[in-house]
Amino acid sequence: MSEENGSERLDADAEATDDDVSPRERLEAEADRAVTEFDEGVVDLLAWILDTETRARIYVYLRQHPGSTSDEVADGTGLYPSTVREALAQLHEEGTVERHKRESAGAGNNPYEYEAIAPSTLVQGAVGQVQEQLNAVFNLERGSDGESNDAGDADPVRITVEDADE
């Protein structure tokens, strides 16, 4: 067999390998990649709202697995149990997660089960924080220009979030 013939066969084999991947498989691979990138984007946004990526990952896990205990959250997220317990205590104190004792038929220690608040409620809280920060910045800027920075003279910044159903 000639060298030219051998290289043609290798090219044909390479093309056959590319053709062996069905359009459906390619589409599924792209969909998986898009979901992963979307999930990471959501975690990044939530990390901004919730202050840390750890808290964001816990929030996302609880939205997907409501009624989980701190140990289940730690197993599901791969975070240290002590880190999860501390973050859950803070998130509960802030009202981002709700907790109640798990009911069991036997006597013994009933752990807390956690559930994250709805994303729309979480965003409403963030909107309030952003409005306050913007109002503070705009009021400071007005004062630095020599204008009155009296809050009565300033028009407040208002951000409105509407439900998608409306």
N, C-alpha and C. Protein backbone atom coordinates (compact mmCIF):
# COMPACT_ATOMS: atom_id res chain seq x y z
N MET A 1 0.85 -1.17 0.00
CA MET A 1 0.00 0.00 0.00
C MET A 1 0.89 1.22 0.00
N SER A 2 0.56 2.22 -0.79
CA SER A 2 1.37 3.43 -0.90
C SER A 2 1.12 4.33 0.30
N GLU A 3 2.10 5.24 0.52
CA GLU A 3 1.97 6.17 1.64
C GLU A 3 0.77 7.09 1.43
N GLU A 4 0.55 7.48 0.19
CA GLU A 4 -0.57 8.36 -0.12
C GLU A 4 -1.89 7.67 0.21
N ASN A 5 -2.02 6.40 -0.15
CA ASN A 5 -3.21 5.63 0.12
C ASN A 5 -3.46 5.52 1.63
N GLY A 6 -2.39 5.33 2.41
CA GLY A 6 -2.50 5.19 3.86
C GLY A 6 -3.01 6.47 4.51
N SER A 7 -2.50 7.61 4.05
CA SER A 7 -2.94 8.88 4.64
C SER A 7 -4.39 9.17 4.27
N GLU A 8 -4.80 8.77 3.07
CA GLU A 8 -6.21 8.95 2.68
C GLU A 8 -7.10 8.13 3.58
N ARG A 9 -6.66 6.92 3.92
CA ARG A 9 -7.46 6.06 4.79
C ARG A 9 -7.55 6.68 6.19
N LEU A 10 -6.46 7.27 6.71
CA LEU A 10 -6.49 7.92 8.02
C LEU A 10 -7.46 9.10 8.02
N ASP A 11 -7.44 9.89 6.93
CA ASP A 11 -8.37 11.01 6.82
C ASP A 11 -9.81 10.52 6.81
N ALA A 12 -10.06 9.45 6.10
CA ALA A 12 -11.41 8.88 6.03
C ALA A 12 -11.84 8.37 7.40
N ASP A 13 -10.90 7.75 8.14
CA ASP A 13 -11.23 7.24 9.48
C ASP A 13 -11.56 8.41 10.42
N ALA A 14 -10.81 9.51 10.32
CA ALA A 14 -11.06 10.67 11.17
C ALA A 14 -12.43 11.26 10.87
N GLU A 15 -12.76 11.33 9.59
CA GLU A 15 -14.08 11.85 9.20
C GLU A 15 -15.18 10.94 9.71
N ALA A 16 -14.96 9.64 9.64
CA ALA A 16 -15.96 8.69 10.10
C ALA A 16 -16.18 8.85 11.60
N THR A 17 -15.12 9.12 12.36
CA THR A 17 -15.26 9.31 13.79
C THR A 17 -16.11 10.54 14.08
N ASP A 18 -15.86 11.65 13.35
CA ASP A 18 -16.66 12.85 13.52
C ASP A 18 -18.11 12.60 13.11
N ASP A 19 -18.31 11.82 12.08
CA ASP A 19 -19.66 11.52 11.61
C ASP A 19 -20.38 10.55 12.51
N ASP A 20 -19.63 9.79 13.34
CA ASP A 20 -20.25 8.83 14.25
C ASP A 20 -21.05 9.53 15.34
N VAL A 21 -20.72 10.78 15.63
CA VAL A 21 -21.45 11.55 16.63
C VAL A 21 -22.70 12.09 15.97
N SER A 22 -23.83 11.65 16.46
CA SER A 22 -25.09 12.07 15.85
C SER A 22 -25.39 13.52 16.19
N PRO A 23 -26.21 14.16 15.37
CA PRO A 23 -26.61 15.53 15.68
C PRO A 23 -27.28 15.62 17.05
N ARG A 24 -28.01 14.60 17.42
CA ARG A 24 -28.67 14.59 18.74
C ARG A 24 -27.63 14.59 19.86
N GLU A 25 -26.57 13.78 19.71
CA GLU A 25 -25.52 13.73 20.73
C GLU A 25 -24.80 15.07 20.83
N ARG A 26 -24.53 15.68 19.68
CA ARG A 26 -23.89 17.00 19.69
C ARG A 26 -24.79 18.03 20.37
N LEU A 27 -26.08 17.99 20.07
CA LEU A 27 -27.03 18.91 20.66
C LEU A 27 -27.11 18.71 22.18
N GLU A 28 -27.14 17.46 22.62
CA GLU A 28 -27.19 17.17 24.05
C GLU A 28 -25.92 17.66 24.75
N ALA A 29 -24.78 17.48 24.12
CA ALA A 29 -23.51 17.95 24.70
C ALA A 29 -23.52 19.47 24.83
N GLU A 30 -24.01 20.16 23.79
CA GLU A 30 -24.09 21.63 23.84
C GLU A 30 -25.10 22.08 24.89
N ALA A 31 -26.22 21.36 25.02
CA ALA A 31 -27.21 21.71 26.02
C ALA A 31 -26.63 21.55 27.43
N ASP A 32 -25.89 20.47 27.66
CA ASP A 32 -25.24 20.26 28.96
C ASP A 32 -24.27 21.38 29.27
N ARG A 33 -23.49 21.79 28.27
CA ARG A 33 -22.53 22.87 28.45
C ARG A 33 -23.26 24.17 28.77
N ALA A 34 -24.34 24.44 28.07
CA ALA A 34 -25.11 25.67 28.30
C ALA A 34 -25.71 25.69 29.71
N VAL A 35 -26.23 24.55 30.15
CA VAL A 35 -26.82 24.47 31.49
C VAL A 35 -25.75 24.71 32.54
N THR A 36 -24.58 24.10 32.35
CA THR A 36 -23.48 24.28 33.30
C THR A 36 -23.07 25.75 33.38
N GLU A 37 -22.94 26.41 32.22
CA GLU A 37 -22.57 27.82 32.21
C GLU A 37 -23.67 28.67 32.84
N PHE A 38 -24.94 28.33 32.59
CA PHE A 38 -26.06 29.05 33.17
C PHE A 38 -26.04 28.90 34.69
N ASP A 39 -25.86 27.64 35.16
CA ASP A 39 -25.81 27.39 36.60
C ASP A 39 -24.70 28.18 37.27
N GLU A 40 -23.53 28.24 36.64
CA GLU A 40 -22.42 29.00 37.20
C GLU A 40 -22.75 30.49 37.22
N GLY A 41 -23.42 30.97 36.19
CA GLY A 41 -23.83 32.37 36.16
C GLY A 41 -24.82 32.69 37.26
N VAL A 42 -25.75 31.78 37.50
CA VAL A 42 -26.73 31.97 38.57
C VAL A 42 -26.02 31.99 39.93
N VAL A 43 -25.09 31.06 40.12
CA VAL A 43 -24.34 31.03 41.37
C VAL A 43 -23.56 32.33 41.56
N ASP A 44 -22.95 32.84 40.49
CA ASP A 44 -22.21 34.11 40.59
C ASP A 44 -23.14 35.25 41.00
N LEU A 45 -24.31 35.32 40.39
CA LEU A 45 -25.28 36.36 40.73
C LEU A 45 -25.74 36.20 42.17
N LEU A 46 -26.06 34.98 42.56
CA LEU A 46 -26.50 34.74 43.93
C LEU A 46 -25.39 35.03 44.94
N ALA A 47 -24.15 34.75 44.56
CA ALA A 47 -23.02 35.05 45.44
C ALA A 47 -22.95 36.55 45.71
N TRP A 48 -23.28 37.34 44.71
CA TRP A 48 -23.31 38.79 44.89
C TRP A 48 -24.44 39.18 45.85
N ILE A 49 -25.62 38.58 45.66
CA ILE A 49 -26.78 38.90 46.49
C ILE A 49 -26.59 38.38 47.92
N LEU A 50 -26.06 37.15 48.03
CA LEU A 50 -25.95 36.49 49.34
C LEU A 50 -24.58 36.66 50.01
N ASP A 51 -23.70 37.41 49.40
CA ASP A 51 -22.38 37.76 49.94
C ASP A 51 -21.26 36.76 49.66
N THR A 52 -21.55 35.46 49.56
CA THR A 52 -20.47 34.49 49.30
C THR A 52 -20.96 33.38 48.38
N GLU A 53 -20.02 32.74 47.71
CA GLU A 53 -20.36 31.61 46.85
C GLU A 53 -20.86 30.44 47.69
N THR A 54 -20.32 30.27 48.89
CA THR A 54 -20.76 29.19 49.77
C THR A 54 -22.25 29.33 50.06
N ARG A 55 -22.67 30.51 50.44
CA ARG A 55 -24.08 30.74 50.74
C ARG A 55 -24.94 30.57 49.49
N ALA A 56 -24.42 30.97 48.35
CA ALA A 56 -25.15 30.82 47.09
C ALA A 56 -25.34 29.35 46.76
N ARG A 57 -24.28 28.54 46.91
CA ARG A 57 -24.39 27.11 46.62
C ARG A 57 -25.39 26.43 47.56
N ILE A 58 -25.39 26.83 48.81
CA ILE A 58 -26.35 26.28 49.77
C ILE A 58 -27.77 26.66 49.36
N TYR A 59 -27.97 27.92 48.98
CA TYR A 59 -29.29 28.39 48.54
C TYR A 59 -29.78 27.58 47.34
N VAL A 60 -28.92 27.42 46.34
CA VAL A 60 -29.30 26.67 45.13
C VAL A 60 -29.63 25.22 45.50
N TYR A 61 -28.82 24.61 46.34
CA TYR A 61 -29.07 23.23 46.75
C TYR A 61 -30.43 23.12 47.43
N LEU A 62 -30.73 24.04 48.34
CA LEU A 62 -32.00 23.99 49.06
C LEU A 62 -33.19 24.26 48.14
N ARG A 63 -33.01 25.07 47.11
CA ARG A 63 -34.11 25.26 46.15
C ARG A 63 -34.38 23.96 45.40
N GLN A 64 -33.32 23.19 45.15
CA GLN A 64 -33.48 21.93 44.43
C GLN A 64 -33.88 20.79 45.36
N HIS A 65 -33.54 20.88 46.64
CA HIS A 65 -33.80 19.81 47.61
C HIS A 65 -34.38 20.39 48.90
N PRO A 66 -35.62 20.91 48.84
CA PRO A 66 -36.22 21.49 50.05
C PRO A 66 -36.39 20.42 51.13
N GLY A 67 -36.28 20.82 52.38
CA GLY A 67 -36.43 19.89 53.48
C GLY A 67 -35.16 19.13 53.82
N SER A 68 -34.02 19.61 53.35
CA SER A 68 -32.75 18.94 53.62
C SER A 68 -32.19 19.37 54.97
N THR A 69 -31.47 18.45 55.60
CA THR A 69 -30.77 18.76 56.85
C THR A 69 -29.41 19.36 56.50
N SER A 70 -28.72 19.89 57.50
CA SER A 70 -27.40 20.47 57.25
C SER A 70 -26.43 19.41 56.75
N ASP A 71 -26.53 18.18 57.27
CA ASP A 71 -25.65 17.11 56.79
C ASP A 71 -25.94 16.76 55.33
N GLU A 72 -27.21 16.75 54.95
CA GLU A 72 -27.58 16.47 53.56
C GLU A 72 -27.08 17.59 52.64
N VAL A 73 -27.16 18.83 53.10
CA VAL A 73 -26.66 19.95 52.31
C VAL A 73 -25.15 19.83 52.13
N ALA A 74 -24.45 19.48 53.21
CA ALA A 74 -22.99 19.32 53.14
C ALA A 74 -22.63 18.21 52.16
N ASP A 75 -23.32 17.08 52.24
CA ASP A 75 -23.06 15.97 51.30
C ASP A 75 -23.35 16.39 49.87
N GLY A 76 -24.45 17.09 49.66
CA GLY A 76 -24.87 17.48 48.31
C GLY A 76 -24.02 18.56 47.67
N THR A 77 -23.44 19.43 48.49
CA THR A 77 -22.64 20.54 47.95
C THR A 77 -21.15 20.28 48.01
N GLY A 78 -20.75 19.31 48.82
CA GLY A 78 -19.32 19.03 48.98
C GLY A 78 -18.63 20.01 49.92
N LEU A 79 -19.42 20.83 50.64
CA LEU A 79 -18.87 21.77 51.60
C LEU A 79 -18.69 21.09 52.96
N TYR A 80 -17.81 21.64 53.76
CA TYR A 80 -17.59 21.09 55.11
C TYR A 80 -18.86 21.26 55.94
N PRO A 81 -19.22 20.23 56.73
CA PRO A 81 -20.45 20.33 57.55
C PRO A 81 -20.46 21.55 58.48
N SER A 82 -19.32 21.88 59.08
CA SER A 82 -19.29 23.04 59.98
C SER A 82 -19.53 24.35 59.21
N THR A 83 -19.02 24.42 58.00
CA THR A 83 -19.24 25.60 57.15
C THR A 83 -20.72 25.73 56.80
N VAL A 84 -21.33 24.59 56.47
CA VAL A 84 -22.75 24.58 56.11
C VAL A 84 -23.60 24.99 57.32
N ARG A 85 -23.31 24.43 58.50
CA ARG A 85 -24.10 24.77 59.69
C ARG A 85 -24.01 26.26 60.00
N GLU A 86 -22.81 26.83 59.90
CA GLU A 86 -22.63 28.26 60.18
C GLU A 86 -23.38 29.11 59.15
N ALA A 87 -23.26 28.77 57.88
CA ALA A 87 -23.94 29.53 56.83
C ALA A 87 -25.46 29.40 56.96
N LEU A 88 -25.95 28.21 57.27
CA LEU A 88 -27.39 28.02 57.43
C LEU A 88 -27.92 28.84 58.61
N ALA A 89 -27.16 28.92 59.69
CA ALA A 89 -27.59 29.72 60.84
C ALA A 89 -27.70 31.19 60.43
N GLN A 90 -26.73 31.69 59.67
CA GLN A 90 -26.77 33.09 59.22
C GLN A 90 -27.92 33.31 58.24
N LEU A 91 -28.08 32.40 57.28
CA LEU A 91 -29.15 32.53 56.29
C LEU A 91 -30.52 32.48 56.97
N HIS A 92 -30.66 31.66 58.01
CA HIS A 92 -31.93 31.58 58.75
C HIS A 92 -32.17 32.89 59.51
N GLU A 93 -31.13 33.39 60.14
CA GLU A 93 -31.24 34.64 60.89
C GLU A 93 -31.65 35.80 59.98
N GLU A 94 -31.16 35.80 58.74
CA GLU A 94 -31.49 36.85 57.77
C GLU A 94 -32.84 36.62 57.09
N GLY A 95 -33.43 35.45 57.27
CA GLY A 95 -34.72 35.15 56.66
C GLY A 95 -34.62 34.58 55.25
N THR A 96 -33.42 34.18 54.83
CA THR A 96 -33.23 33.63 53.49
C THR A 96 -33.61 32.16 53.42
N VAL A 97 -33.48 31.46 54.55
CA VAL A 97 -33.94 30.07 54.65
C VAL A 97 -34.85 29.94 55.87
N GLU A 98 -35.77 29.03 55.76
CA GLU A 98 -36.66 28.71 56.88
C GLU A 98 -36.27 27.34 57.39
N ARG A 99 -36.53 27.10 58.66
CA ARG A 99 -36.19 25.79 59.21
C ARG A 99 -37.29 25.33 60.16
N HIS A 100 -37.39 24.02 60.25
CA HIS A 100 -38.30 23.41 61.22
C HIS A 100 -37.73 22.04 61.58
N LYS A 101 -38.15 21.53 62.73
CA LYS A 101 -37.64 20.24 63.19
C LYS A 101 -38.24 19.12 62.33
N ARG A 102 -37.38 18.18 61.96
CA ARG A 102 -37.84 17.01 61.22
C ARG A 102 -38.61 16.12 62.18
N GLU A 103 -39.77 15.69 61.73
CA GLU A 103 -40.58 14.81 62.56
C GLU A 103 -40.14 13.37 62.37
N SER A 104 -40.05 12.65 63.48
CA SER A 104 -39.73 11.23 63.38
C SER A 104 -40.54 10.48 64.41
N ALA A 105 -40.79 9.21 64.14
CA ALA A 105 -41.62 8.39 65.01
C ALA A 105 -40.90 8.05 66.31
N GLY A 106 -39.60 7.90 66.24
CA GLY A 106 -38.83 7.50 67.43
C GLY A 106 -38.37 8.67 68.26
N ALA A 107 -37.90 8.34 69.45
CA ALA A 107 -37.34 9.36 70.32
C ALA A 107 -35.91 9.66 69.86
N GLY A 108 -35.42 10.81 70.21
CA GLY A 108 -34.06 11.14 69.84
C GLY A 108 -33.95 12.52 69.25
N ASN A 109 -32.81 12.77 68.67
CA ASN A 109 -32.51 14.08 68.12
C ASN A 109 -33.16 14.24 66.75
N ASN A 110 -34.06 15.19 66.65
CA ASN A 110 -34.68 15.50 65.37
C ASN A 110 -33.98 16.72 64.78
N PRO A 111 -33.24 16.52 63.68
CA PRO A 111 -32.49 17.66 63.11
C PRO A 111 -33.43 18.65 62.43
N TYR A 112 -32.90 19.84 62.21
CA TYR A 112 -33.64 20.84 61.47
C TYR A 112 -33.64 20.49 59.99
N GLU A 113 -34.77 20.78 59.34
CA GLU A 113 -34.87 20.71 57.88
C GLU A 113 -34.94 22.15 57.39
N TYR A 114 -34.27 22.42 56.28
CA TYR A 114 -34.18 23.78 55.76
C TYR A 114 -34.84 23.89 54.40
N GLU A 115 -35.40 25.06 54.15
CA GLU A 115 -35.99 25.37 52.86
C GLU A 115 -35.67 26.81 52.51
N ALA A 116 -35.20 27.05 51.30
CA ALA A 116 -34.84 28.41 50.86
C ALA A 116 -36.10 29.16 50.43
N ILE A 117 -36.08 30.46 50.67
CA ILE A 117 -37.21 31.30 50.24
C ILE A 117 -37.23 31.35 48.71
N ALA A 118 -38.35 31.78 48.17
CA ALA A 118 -38.51 31.89 46.72
C ALA A 118 -37.53 32.90 46.15
N PRO A 119 -37.02 32.65 44.94
CA PRO A 119 -36.10 33.60 44.31
C PRO A 119 -36.68 35.01 44.19
N SER A 120 -37.98 35.11 43.91
CA SER A 120 -38.58 36.44 43.77
C SER A 120 -38.50 37.22 45.08
N THR A 121 -38.67 36.53 46.21
CA THR A 121 -38.56 37.18 47.52
C THR A 121 -37.11 37.60 47.78
N LEU A 122 -36.18 36.73 47.39
CA LEU A 122 -34.76 37.04 47.54
C LEU A 122 -34.38 38.28 46.73
N VAL A 123 -34.87 38.35 45.50
CA VAL A 123 -34.56 39.48 44.62
C VAL A 123 -35.18 40.77 45.16
N GLN A 124 -36.39 40.68 45.71
CA GLN A 124 -37.02 41.89 46.28
C GLN A 124 -36.14 42.48 47.37
N GLY A 125 -35.56 41.63 48.22
CA GLY A 125 -34.66 42.11 49.26
C GLY A 125 -33.43 42.77 48.67
N ALA A 126 -32.89 42.18 47.61
CA ALA A 126 -31.70 42.74 46.96
C ALA A 126 -32.03 44.08 46.31
N VAL A 127 -33.21 44.19 45.75
CA VAL A 127 -33.62 45.44 45.11
C VAL A 127 -33.64 46.57 46.14
N GLY A 128 -34.14 46.28 47.31
CA GLY A 128 -34.15 47.29 48.37
C GLY A 128 -32.75 47.75 48.73
N GLN A 129 -31.81 46.81 48.80
CA GLN A 129 -30.42 47.16 49.11
C GLN A 129 -29.81 48.02 48.01
N VAL A 130 -30.07 47.66 46.76
CA VAL A 130 -29.51 48.41 45.63
C VAL A 130 -30.10 49.83 45.61
N GLN A 131 -31.40 49.95 45.85
CA GLN A 131 -32.04 51.27 45.90
C GLN A 131 -31.40 52.14 46.97
N GLU A 132 -31.18 51.59 48.16
CA GLU A 132 -30.57 52.36 49.25
C GLU A 132 -29.16 52.82 48.87
N GLN A 133 -28.39 51.90 48.26
CA GLN A 133 -27.02 52.25 47.87
C GLN A 133 -27.02 53.33 46.79
N LEU A 134 -27.90 53.21 45.80
CA LEU A 134 -27.97 54.21 44.75
C LEU A 134 -28.40 55.56 45.30
N ASN A 135 -29.39 55.57 46.17
CA ASN A 135 -29.82 56.83 46.77
C ASN A 135 -28.68 57.48 47.55
N ALA A 136 -27.92 56.68 48.29
CA ALA A 136 -26.79 57.22 49.06
C ALA A 136 -25.74 57.81 48.12
N VAL A 137 -25.43 57.10 47.03
CA VAL A 137 -24.43 57.58 46.08
C VAL A 137 -24.91 58.87 45.41
N PHE A 138 -26.14 58.90 44.94
CA PHE A 138 -26.64 60.09 44.27
C PHE A 138 -26.71 61.28 45.22
N ASN A 139 -27.10 61.04 46.45
CA ASN A 139 -27.17 62.13 47.42
C ASN A 139 -25.78 62.65 47.75
N LEU A 140 -24.79 61.77 47.82
CA LEU A 140 -23.41 62.19 48.06
C LEU A 140 -22.89 63.02 46.89
N GLU A 141 -23.21 62.58 45.66
CA GLU A 141 -22.76 63.31 44.47
C GLU A 141 -23.38 64.69 44.42
N ARG A 142 -24.64 64.81 44.79
CA ARG A 142 -25.28 66.13 44.80
C ARG A 142 -24.58 67.04 45.79
N GLY A 143 -24.20 66.50 46.94
CA GLY A 143 -23.51 67.29 47.96
C GLY A 143 -22.13 67.72 47.53
N SER A 144 -21.43 66.90 46.75
CA SER A 144 -20.07 67.23 46.33
C SER A 144 -20.06 68.29 45.23
N ASP A 145 -21.18 68.50 44.55
CA ASP A 145 -21.26 69.52 43.50
C ASP A 145 -21.60 70.90 44.08
N GLY A 146 -21.73 70.96 45.38
CA GLY A 146 -22.07 72.24 45.99
C GLY A 146 -23.57 72.41 46.14
N GLU A 147 -24.34 71.47 45.63
CA GLU A 147 -25.79 71.53 45.78
C GLU A 147 -26.16 70.97 47.14
N SER A 148 -27.36 71.25 47.55
CA SER A 148 -27.84 70.73 48.82
C SER A 148 -27.92 69.22 48.75
N ASN A 149 -27.46 68.58 49.81
CA ASN A 149 -27.60 67.13 49.85
C ASN A 149 -28.67 66.72 50.84
N ASP A 150 -29.58 67.65 51.11
CA ASP A 150 -30.71 67.37 51.97
C ASP A 150 -31.59 66.31 51.30
N ALA A 151 -31.92 65.26 52.02
CA ALA A 151 -32.68 64.14 51.45
C ALA A 151 -34.04 64.61 50.94
N GLY A 152 -34.57 65.72 51.51
CA GLY A 152 -35.85 66.23 51.04
C GLY A 152 -35.78 66.80 49.64
N ASP A 153 -34.59 67.25 49.22
CA ASP A 153 -34.42 67.82 47.89
C ASP A 153 -34.21 66.76 46.81
N ALA A 154 -33.88 65.55 47.21
CA ALA A 154 -33.47 64.51 46.26
C ALA A 154 -34.66 63.64 45.85
N ASP A 155 -34.67 63.31 44.58
CA ASP A 155 -35.64 62.34 44.11
C ASP A 155 -35.05 60.96 44.36
N PRO A 156 -35.76 60.09 45.06
CA PRO A 156 -35.19 58.77 45.35
C PRO A 156 -35.15 57.89 44.11
N VAL A 157 -34.22 56.95 44.14
CA VAL A 157 -34.14 55.94 43.08
C VAL A 157 -35.14 54.86 43.43
N ARG A 158 -35.95 54.49 42.46
CA ARG A 158 -36.92 53.42 42.67
C ARG A 158 -36.70 52.35 41.62
N ILE A 159 -36.64 51.11 42.07
CA ILE A 159 -36.50 49.97 41.17
C ILE A 159 -37.73 49.10 41.36
N THR A 160 -38.38 48.76 40.27
CA THR A 160 -39.59 47.94 40.36
C THR A 160 -39.32 46.60 39.71
N VAL A 161 -39.70 45.54 40.43
CA VAL A 161 -39.58 44.18 39.90
C VAL A 161 -40.98 43.63 39.82
N GLU A 162 -41.36 43.21 38.62
CA GLU A 162 -42.69 42.68 38.42
C GLU A 162 -42.62 41.18 38.18
N ASP A 163 -43.68 40.50 38.58
CA ASP A 163 -43.79 39.06 38.31
C ASP A 163 -43.91 38.85 36.81
N ALA A 164 -43.35 37.76 36.30
CA ALA A 164 -43.43 37.46 34.88
C ALA A 164 -44.87 37.20 34.46
N ASP A 165 -45.71 36.80 35.42
CA ASP A 165 -47.11 36.50 35.11
C ASP A 165 -47.92 37.75 34.84
N GLU A 166 -47.45 38.90 35.34
CA GLU A 166 -48.23 40.13 35.20
C GLU A 166 -48.09 40.73 33.84
